[in-house]
N, C-alpha and C. Protein backbone atom coordinates (compact mmCIF):
# COMPACT_ATOMS: atom_id res chain seq x y z
N VAL A 1 6.34 69.91 -107.38
CA VAL A 1 7.59 70.55 -107.00
C VAL A 1 7.27 71.70 -106.05
N THR A 2 8.09 71.86 -105.02
CA THR A 2 7.90 72.94 -104.07
C THR A 2 8.44 74.23 -104.68
N ALA A 3 7.73 75.31 -104.43
CA ALA A 3 8.15 76.61 -104.95
C ALA A 3 9.47 77.03 -104.32
N ALA A 4 10.17 77.96 -104.97
CA ALA A 4 11.48 78.42 -104.50
C ALA A 4 11.42 78.99 -103.09
N ASP A 5 10.28 79.57 -102.71
CA ASP A 5 10.16 80.15 -101.37
C ASP A 5 9.84 79.12 -100.30
N GLY A 6 9.76 77.84 -100.67
CA GLY A 6 9.50 76.77 -99.71
C GLY A 6 8.04 76.46 -99.51
N SER A 7 7.16 77.21 -100.15
CA SER A 7 5.73 76.95 -100.00
C SER A 7 5.35 75.67 -100.75
N ILE A 8 4.22 75.11 -100.39
CA ILE A 8 3.75 73.88 -101.01
C ILE A 8 2.97 74.22 -102.28
N ASN A 9 3.29 73.55 -103.35
CA ASN A 9 2.54 73.71 -104.60
C ASN A 9 1.24 72.94 -104.53
N LYS A 10 0.29 73.39 -105.29
CA LYS A 10 -0.97 72.67 -105.46
C LYS A 10 -0.86 71.83 -106.72
N VAL A 11 -1.42 70.63 -106.67
CA VAL A 11 -1.46 69.74 -107.82
C VAL A 11 -2.89 69.23 -107.97
N GLN A 12 -3.22 68.76 -109.15
CA GLN A 12 -4.56 68.26 -109.40
C GLN A 12 -4.59 66.75 -109.14
N ASP A 13 -5.55 66.31 -108.30
CA ASP A 13 -5.66 64.88 -108.03
C ASP A 13 -6.48 64.20 -109.13
N ALA A 14 -6.69 62.90 -109.01
CA ALA A 14 -7.37 62.12 -110.06
C ALA A 14 -8.81 62.59 -110.28
N ALA A 15 -9.42 63.20 -109.26
CA ALA A 15 -10.80 63.69 -109.39
C ALA A 15 -10.85 65.13 -109.90
N GLY A 16 -9.68 65.73 -110.16
CA GLY A 16 -9.63 67.09 -110.65
C GLY A 16 -9.57 68.15 -109.57
N LYS A 17 -9.53 67.74 -108.32
CA LYS A 17 -9.47 68.68 -107.19
C LYS A 17 -8.02 69.14 -106.97
N MET A 18 -7.84 70.41 -106.66
CA MET A 18 -6.51 70.94 -106.37
C MET A 18 -6.18 70.63 -104.90
N VAL A 19 -5.06 69.95 -104.68
CA VAL A 19 -4.63 69.53 -103.35
C VAL A 19 -3.16 69.87 -103.15
N ASP A 20 -2.72 69.90 -101.88
CA ASP A 20 -1.30 70.12 -101.61
C ASP A 20 -0.48 68.98 -102.17
N GLU A 21 0.64 69.30 -102.77
CA GLU A 21 1.54 68.29 -103.29
C GLU A 21 2.17 67.54 -102.11
N TYR A 22 2.18 66.21 -102.18
CA TYR A 22 2.78 65.40 -101.12
C TYR A 22 4.28 65.24 -101.37
N ARG A 23 5.05 65.46 -100.31
CA ARG A 23 6.49 65.24 -100.38
C ARG A 23 6.88 64.39 -99.17
N LYS A 24 7.30 63.16 -99.42
CA LYS A 24 7.55 62.23 -98.32
C LYS A 24 8.59 62.73 -97.33
N GLU A 25 9.58 63.50 -97.81
CA GLU A 25 10.60 63.99 -96.89
C GLU A 25 10.07 65.06 -95.94
N LYS A 26 8.90 65.61 -96.22
CA LYS A 26 8.28 66.62 -95.35
C LYS A 26 7.15 66.04 -94.51
N CYS A 27 6.88 64.76 -94.63
CA CYS A 27 5.76 64.13 -93.92
C CYS A 27 6.00 64.18 -92.41
N PRO A 28 5.06 64.75 -91.63
CA PRO A 28 5.25 64.84 -90.18
C PRO A 28 5.19 63.48 -89.48
N TYR A 29 4.67 62.47 -90.15
CA TYR A 29 4.57 61.13 -89.56
C TYR A 29 5.77 60.26 -89.85
N ARG A 30 6.59 60.65 -90.77
CA ARG A 30 7.72 59.81 -91.20
C ARG A 30 8.67 59.41 -90.07
N PRO A 31 9.16 60.36 -89.24
CA PRO A 31 10.07 59.94 -88.15
C PRO A 31 9.42 58.95 -87.19
N MET A 32 8.15 59.18 -86.86
CA MET A 32 7.44 58.30 -85.94
C MET A 32 7.30 56.90 -86.55
N GLN A 33 6.84 56.83 -87.80
CA GLN A 33 6.62 55.52 -88.40
C GLN A 33 7.91 54.81 -88.75
N GLN A 34 8.95 55.54 -89.09
CA GLN A 34 10.25 54.92 -89.35
C GLN A 34 10.78 54.26 -88.07
N ALA A 35 10.68 54.98 -86.94
CA ALA A 35 11.13 54.43 -85.66
C ALA A 35 10.28 53.22 -85.26
N ALA A 36 8.97 53.30 -85.48
CA ALA A 36 8.08 52.18 -85.16
C ALA A 36 8.42 50.96 -86.02
N PHE A 37 8.68 51.19 -87.30
CA PHE A 37 9.04 50.08 -88.19
C PHE A 37 10.35 49.42 -87.75
N GLU A 38 11.33 50.22 -87.37
CA GLU A 38 12.61 49.65 -86.92
C GLU A 38 12.41 48.74 -85.72
N LYS A 39 11.54 49.11 -84.79
CA LYS A 39 11.24 48.25 -83.64
C LYS A 39 10.51 46.99 -84.09
N ALA A 40 9.52 47.16 -84.96
CA ALA A 40 8.67 46.03 -85.37
C ALA A 40 9.45 44.98 -86.15
N ARG A 41 10.37 45.41 -86.98
CA ARG A 41 11.08 44.42 -87.80
C ARG A 41 12.07 43.60 -86.99
N LEU A 42 12.43 44.06 -85.80
CA LEU A 42 13.32 43.29 -84.93
C LEU A 42 12.58 42.15 -84.23
N THR A 43 11.26 42.25 -84.16
CA THR A 43 10.44 41.22 -83.51
C THR A 43 9.24 40.91 -84.41
N PRO A 44 9.47 40.21 -85.52
CA PRO A 44 8.38 39.95 -86.47
C PRO A 44 7.16 39.31 -85.81
N LEU A 45 5.99 39.70 -86.34
CA LEU A 45 4.69 39.18 -85.93
C LEU A 45 4.29 39.57 -84.51
N ARG A 46 4.98 40.55 -83.94
CA ARG A 46 4.62 41.06 -82.61
C ARG A 46 4.39 42.56 -82.70
N MET A 47 3.29 43.03 -82.13
CA MET A 47 2.98 44.45 -82.13
C MET A 47 3.95 45.19 -81.21
N GLN A 48 4.49 46.28 -81.70
CA GLN A 48 5.43 47.09 -80.92
C GLN A 48 4.87 48.51 -80.80
N GLU A 49 5.07 49.13 -79.64
CA GLU A 49 4.64 50.50 -79.44
C GLU A 49 5.83 51.44 -79.57
N GLN A 50 5.62 52.53 -80.28
CA GLN A 50 6.65 53.55 -80.47
C GLN A 50 6.30 54.75 -79.60
N TRP A 51 7.24 55.17 -78.73
CA TRP A 51 6.99 56.29 -77.82
C TRP A 51 7.67 57.57 -78.28
N ASP A 52 8.75 57.47 -79.03
CA ASP A 52 9.50 58.66 -79.44
C ASP A 52 8.95 59.22 -80.74
N ASN A 53 9.22 60.49 -80.99
CA ASN A 53 8.86 61.16 -82.25
C ASN A 53 7.37 61.24 -82.51
N LEU A 54 6.54 61.23 -81.45
CA LEU A 54 5.10 61.31 -81.65
C LEU A 54 4.67 62.76 -81.83
N PRO A 55 3.94 63.07 -82.92
CA PRO A 55 3.34 64.40 -83.02
C PRO A 55 2.36 64.59 -81.86
N GLU A 56 2.10 65.82 -81.48
CA GLU A 56 1.28 66.07 -80.28
C GLU A 56 -0.13 65.49 -80.38
N HIS A 57 -0.66 65.31 -81.58
CA HIS A 57 -2.03 64.80 -81.72
C HIS A 57 -2.10 63.28 -81.82
N ILE A 58 -0.96 62.60 -81.72
CA ILE A 58 -0.93 61.13 -81.72
C ILE A 58 -0.62 60.66 -80.29
N LEU A 59 -1.54 59.90 -79.71
CA LEU A 59 -1.34 59.40 -78.34
C LEU A 59 -0.47 58.15 -78.31
N HIS A 60 -0.67 57.28 -79.28
CA HIS A 60 0.07 56.02 -79.35
C HIS A 60 0.33 55.68 -80.81
N CYS A 61 1.44 55.03 -81.05
CA CYS A 61 1.76 54.52 -82.39
C CYS A 61 2.22 53.07 -82.22
N TYR A 62 1.56 52.17 -82.93
CA TYR A 62 1.89 50.75 -82.88
C TYR A 62 2.29 50.29 -84.29
N ALA A 63 3.16 49.32 -84.35
CA ALA A 63 3.56 48.75 -85.64
C ALA A 63 3.79 47.25 -85.49
N ARG A 64 3.50 46.53 -86.57
CA ARG A 64 3.73 45.08 -86.62
C ARG A 64 4.22 44.74 -88.03
N SER A 65 5.33 44.02 -88.10
CA SER A 65 5.89 43.62 -89.38
C SER A 65 5.93 42.10 -89.43
N TYR A 66 5.89 41.56 -90.62
CA TYR A 66 5.88 40.09 -90.74
C TYR A 66 7.27 39.49 -90.88
N ASN A 67 8.30 40.33 -91.11
CA ASN A 67 9.66 39.78 -91.22
C ASN A 67 10.69 40.81 -90.79
N THR A 68 11.95 40.46 -90.88
CA THR A 68 13.03 41.35 -90.45
C THR A 68 13.63 42.16 -91.60
N GLY A 69 12.99 42.15 -92.75
CA GLY A 69 13.49 42.84 -93.93
C GLY A 69 13.64 44.35 -93.74
N ALA A 70 14.48 44.95 -94.56
CA ALA A 70 14.77 46.38 -94.46
C ALA A 70 13.68 47.26 -95.05
N HIS A 71 12.77 46.68 -95.86
CA HIS A 71 11.69 47.45 -96.46
C HIS A 71 10.38 47.15 -95.74
N PRO A 72 9.54 48.15 -95.55
CA PRO A 72 8.35 47.97 -94.70
C PRO A 72 7.14 47.33 -95.36
N PHE A 73 7.29 46.70 -96.52
CA PHE A 73 6.13 46.10 -97.18
C PHE A 73 5.43 45.13 -96.25
N GLY A 74 4.11 45.27 -96.12
CA GLY A 74 3.32 44.41 -95.26
C GLY A 74 3.27 44.85 -93.81
N THR A 75 3.97 45.89 -93.45
CA THR A 75 3.93 46.40 -92.08
C THR A 75 2.63 47.15 -91.84
N VAL A 76 2.06 46.97 -90.66
CA VAL A 76 0.82 47.62 -90.26
C VAL A 76 1.12 48.62 -89.16
N PHE A 77 0.56 49.82 -89.30
CA PHE A 77 0.70 50.86 -88.28
C PHE A 77 -0.68 51.23 -87.76
N ILE A 78 -0.79 51.46 -86.45
CA ILE A 78 -2.02 51.97 -85.84
C ILE A 78 -1.62 53.21 -85.07
N ASN A 79 -2.22 54.34 -85.43
CA ASN A 79 -1.97 55.60 -84.73
C ASN A 79 -3.24 56.01 -84.01
N VAL A 80 -3.17 56.11 -82.68
CA VAL A 80 -4.32 56.50 -81.87
C VAL A 80 -4.29 58.02 -81.73
N LEU A 81 -5.41 58.64 -82.11
CA LEU A 81 -5.51 60.10 -82.15
C LEU A 81 -5.98 60.69 -80.82
N ALA A 82 -5.43 61.85 -80.47
CA ALA A 82 -5.91 62.59 -79.30
C ALA A 82 -7.36 62.99 -79.53
N LYS A 83 -8.11 63.14 -78.47
CA LYS A 83 -9.55 63.39 -78.55
C LYS A 83 -9.89 64.58 -79.44
N ASP A 84 -9.16 65.67 -79.34
CA ASP A 84 -9.48 66.87 -80.11
C ASP A 84 -9.07 66.79 -81.58
N PHE A 85 -8.47 65.70 -82.00
CA PHE A 85 -8.00 65.55 -83.39
C PHE A 85 -8.69 64.40 -84.12
N ARG A 86 -9.81 63.93 -83.61
CA ARG A 86 -10.53 62.83 -84.24
C ARG A 86 -11.47 63.38 -85.31
N PRO A 87 -11.29 62.99 -86.56
CA PRO A 87 -12.10 63.56 -87.64
C PRO A 87 -13.55 63.09 -87.64
N LEU A 88 -14.45 64.01 -87.79
CA LEU A 88 -15.88 63.80 -87.99
C LEU A 88 -16.64 63.22 -86.80
N SER A 89 -15.99 62.49 -85.92
CA SER A 89 -16.69 61.87 -84.80
C SER A 89 -15.69 61.49 -83.70
N PRO A 90 -16.10 61.63 -82.43
CA PRO A 90 -15.22 61.19 -81.34
C PRO A 90 -14.95 59.69 -81.36
N GLN A 91 -15.76 58.95 -82.13
CA GLN A 91 -15.58 57.50 -82.23
C GLN A 91 -14.46 57.12 -83.20
N ASN A 92 -13.98 58.07 -83.99
CA ASN A 92 -12.88 57.81 -84.92
C ASN A 92 -11.57 57.97 -84.14
N VAL A 93 -11.17 56.93 -83.44
CA VAL A 93 -10.08 57.03 -82.48
C VAL A 93 -8.69 56.73 -83.05
N ALA A 94 -8.62 56.10 -84.22
CA ALA A 94 -7.31 55.69 -84.72
C ALA A 94 -7.28 55.66 -86.24
N VAL A 95 -6.06 55.66 -86.75
CA VAL A 95 -5.82 55.49 -88.18
C VAL A 95 -5.06 54.19 -88.34
N LEU A 96 -5.55 53.34 -89.21
CA LEU A 96 -4.88 52.08 -89.53
C LEU A 96 -4.24 52.25 -90.90
N TYR A 97 -2.96 51.96 -90.99
CA TYR A 97 -2.23 52.14 -92.24
C TYR A 97 -1.37 50.91 -92.47
N THR A 98 -1.35 50.42 -93.69
CA THR A 98 -0.45 49.32 -94.02
C THR A 98 0.33 49.66 -95.28
N VAL A 99 1.54 49.18 -95.35
CA VAL A 99 2.39 49.40 -96.52
C VAL A 99 2.16 48.23 -97.45
N GLY A 100 1.55 48.52 -98.57
CA GLY A 100 1.21 47.47 -99.53
C GLY A 100 2.38 47.10 -100.42
N ALA A 101 2.23 45.97 -101.05
CA ALA A 101 3.24 45.51 -102.01
C ALA A 101 3.20 46.39 -103.25
N LEU A 102 4.29 46.45 -103.98
CA LEU A 102 4.36 47.26 -105.19
C LEU A 102 3.78 46.54 -106.40
N GLY A 103 3.63 45.27 -106.31
CA GLY A 103 3.11 44.51 -107.44
C GLY A 103 4.22 43.79 -108.18
N ARG A 104 3.84 42.99 -109.13
CA ARG A 104 4.79 42.16 -109.87
C ARG A 104 5.80 43.02 -110.65
N ASN A 105 7.06 42.66 -110.52
CA ASN A 105 8.16 43.31 -111.24
C ASN A 105 8.32 44.79 -110.92
N LYS A 106 7.92 45.22 -109.75
CA LYS A 106 8.10 46.62 -109.35
C LYS A 106 9.01 46.65 -108.14
N LYS A 107 9.80 47.70 -108.04
CA LYS A 107 10.72 47.86 -106.90
C LYS A 107 10.59 49.26 -106.34
N ALA A 108 10.81 49.36 -105.05
CA ALA A 108 10.77 50.65 -104.37
C ALA A 108 12.06 51.41 -104.60
N GLU A 109 12.00 52.70 -104.38
CA GLU A 109 13.19 53.55 -104.48
C GLU A 109 14.30 52.97 -103.60
N GLY A 110 15.46 52.79 -104.15
CA GLY A 110 16.59 52.26 -103.39
C GLY A 110 16.67 50.75 -103.34
N GLU A 111 15.76 50.06 -104.01
CA GLU A 111 15.71 48.61 -103.94
C GLU A 111 16.49 47.93 -105.07
N GLY A 112 17.10 48.67 -105.95
CA GLY A 112 17.86 48.07 -107.03
C GLY A 112 17.14 48.13 -108.35
N GLU A 113 17.69 47.47 -109.33
CA GLU A 113 17.15 47.49 -110.69
C GLU A 113 15.98 46.52 -110.83
N ASP A 114 15.01 46.88 -111.70
CA ASP A 114 13.92 45.95 -112.02
C ASP A 114 14.48 44.76 -112.78
N SER A 115 13.87 43.61 -112.56
CA SER A 115 14.33 42.40 -113.25
C SER A 115 13.52 42.14 -114.48
């Protein structure tokens, strides 16, 4: 939970390390990836490039979805990082992210009741 003053709370991760609490509504990548997903789902199985809503350290954002569904399960995102934002090595040029399935009998927020 975020503190009343808007600061980020620290939470303990599975390894016992104190880390910033993640809040999806505050994610700086959410607008970019949401826009990329909307493009990708209109043309299944084709890579689409997203130009709008890019944070300054992202040079390119690509997305590919396997169907036209409203939920991004199975969608793949590739974010190409600006040279000064590549972690640990200049050869780390991109982040590959995919939205995995929730598993048997699980539903995402807003997807309805479990069966």
